[in-house]
Amino acid sequence: MPSRPDIASIGERPKKDGTTAYQVKWRQDGEWQSEKFGDSDSAKQFKNLVEAHGGQWPHSWVRGEGTARSRDRADQATAPGSEHTDVGPGQRPRLCLV
């Protein structure tokens, strides 16, 4: 049985600060769609989600924010008095479904 071609692809995008962002791209209804991630593992997980959804945005995914579950965790992580220190000013942690 021939292998099915990938629906989405991952591209590395250099950032001004010297780090790398990972962009997942695919075509949905004739239009290019994309989402960026700070690490390759999250990008791979999201690519798999897009492909599992037939080249569509995954259910409950909000562009630039993640899933509804991720947004709840991000709100907790960035709440005043939070002990999380891995989130900089104006940034929100981004999580994928596992």
Protein backbone atom coordinates (compact mmCIF):
# COMPACT_ATOMS: atom_id res chain seq x y z
CA MET A 1 0.00 0.00 0.00
CA PRO A 2 1.53 3.38 -0.95
CA SER A 3 2.14 5.82 1.86
CA ARG A 4 -0.16 8.80 2.12
CA PRO A 5 1.50 12.19 1.51
CA ASP A 6 1.69 14.58 4.42
CA ILE A 7 -1.13 17.11 4.63
CA ALA A 8 0.91 19.57 6.68
CA SER A 9 4.58 20.50 6.82
CA ILE A 10 6.90 21.99 9.43
CA GLY A 11 9.33 24.76 8.57
CA GLU A 12 12.04 26.22 10.78
CA ARG A 13 11.95 30.01 11.07
CA PRO A 14 14.94 31.82 12.59
CA LYS A 15 14.04 34.55 15.04
CA LYS A 16 15.91 37.80 15.69
CA ASP A 17 16.99 36.61 19.12
CA GLY A 18 18.82 33.65 17.58
CA THR A 19 16.26 30.99 18.56
CA THR A 20 14.13 29.01 16.14
CA ALA A 21 10.36 29.01 15.74
CA TYR A 22 8.64 26.07 14.08
CA GLN A 23 5.77 26.84 11.69
CA VAL A 24 3.19 24.23 10.74
CA LYS A 25 1.63 25.00 7.33
CA TRP A 26 -1.20 23.37 5.40
CA ARG A 27 -3.93 24.25 2.91
CA GLN A 28 -7.50 24.34 4.15
CA ASP A 29 -10.30 25.11 1.72
CA GLY A 30 -7.75 26.46 -0.78
CA GLU A 31 -6.16 28.91 1.69
CA TRP A 32 -2.80 28.58 3.46
CA GLN A 33 -3.06 28.16 7.22
CA SER A 34 -0.21 28.23 9.71
CA GLU A 35 0.58 28.07 13.40
CA LYS A 36 3.94 28.77 15.11
CA PHE A 37 5.57 26.93 18.01
CA GLY A 38 8.68 27.46 20.11
CA ASP A 39 9.78 23.83 19.97
CA SER A 40 9.79 21.08 17.38
CA ASP A 41 7.94 18.53 19.56
CA SER A 42 4.89 20.81 19.92
CA ALA A 43 4.98 21.52 16.18
CA LYS A 44 5.05 17.78 15.42
CA GLN A 45 2.13 17.12 17.78
CA PHE A 46 0.10 19.91 16.17
CA LYS A 47 0.98 18.71 12.65
CA ASN A 48 -0.33 15.26 13.62
CA LEU A 49 -3.55 16.87 14.95
CA VAL A 50 -4.08 18.78 11.70
CA GLU A 51 -3.56 15.60 9.71
CA ALA A 52 -5.86 13.61 12.01
CA HIS A 53 -8.54 16.26 11.34
CA GLY A 54 -8.18 15.90 7.57
CA GLY A 55 -6.28 19.15 7.04
CA GLN A 56 -8.60 21.25 9.19
CA TRP A 57 -7.94 23.26 12.34
CA PRO A 58 -8.30 20.85 15.28
CA HIS A 59 -11.51 21.11 17.28
CA SER A 60 -11.33 23.64 20.14
CA TRP A 61 -7.98 25.01 18.90
CA VAL A 62 -7.67 28.80 19.02
CA ARG A 63 -5.04 30.19 16.66
CA GLY A 64 -2.05 31.53 18.57
CA GLU A 65 -3.34 30.21 21.91
CA GLY A 66 -3.83 26.44 21.72
CA THR A 67 -6.74 24.39 22.99
CA ALA A 68 -9.40 25.48 25.44
CA ARG A 69 -7.67 23.26 28.01
CA SER A 70 -4.34 24.98 27.23
CA ARG A 71 -5.88 28.43 27.67
CA ASP A 72 -7.17 27.44 31.12
CA ARG A 73 -3.67 26.30 32.12
CA ALA A 74 -2.15 29.45 30.63
CA ASP A 75 -4.52 31.62 32.65
CA GLN A 76 -3.46 29.77 35.80
CA ALA A 77 0.24 30.04 34.90
CA THR A 78 0.06 33.79 34.28
CA ALA A 79 -2.29 34.67 37.13
CA PRO A 80 -0.99 37.10 39.75
CA GLY A 81 0.83 35.20 42.46
CA SER A 82 1.54 32.28 40.17
CA GLU A 83 4.73 30.40 40.92
CA HIS A 84 5.40 29.70 37.22
CA THR A 85 8.46 31.60 36.00
CA ASP A 86 8.84 30.19 32.48
CA VAL A 87 6.49 32.75 30.95
CA GLY A 88 7.84 36.18 30.07
CA PRO A 89 5.88 39.44 29.98
CA GLY A 90 3.22 39.38 27.29
CA GLN A 91 3.73 35.66 26.61
CA ARG A 92 1.39 32.76 27.19
CA PRO A 93 2.50 29.14 27.44
CA ARG A 94 1.25 27.03 24.53
CA LEU A 95 0.31 23.43 25.03
CA CYS A 96 -0.87 20.75 22.66
CA LEU A 97 -3.22 17.89 23.31
CA VAL A 98 -1.28 14.75 24.05
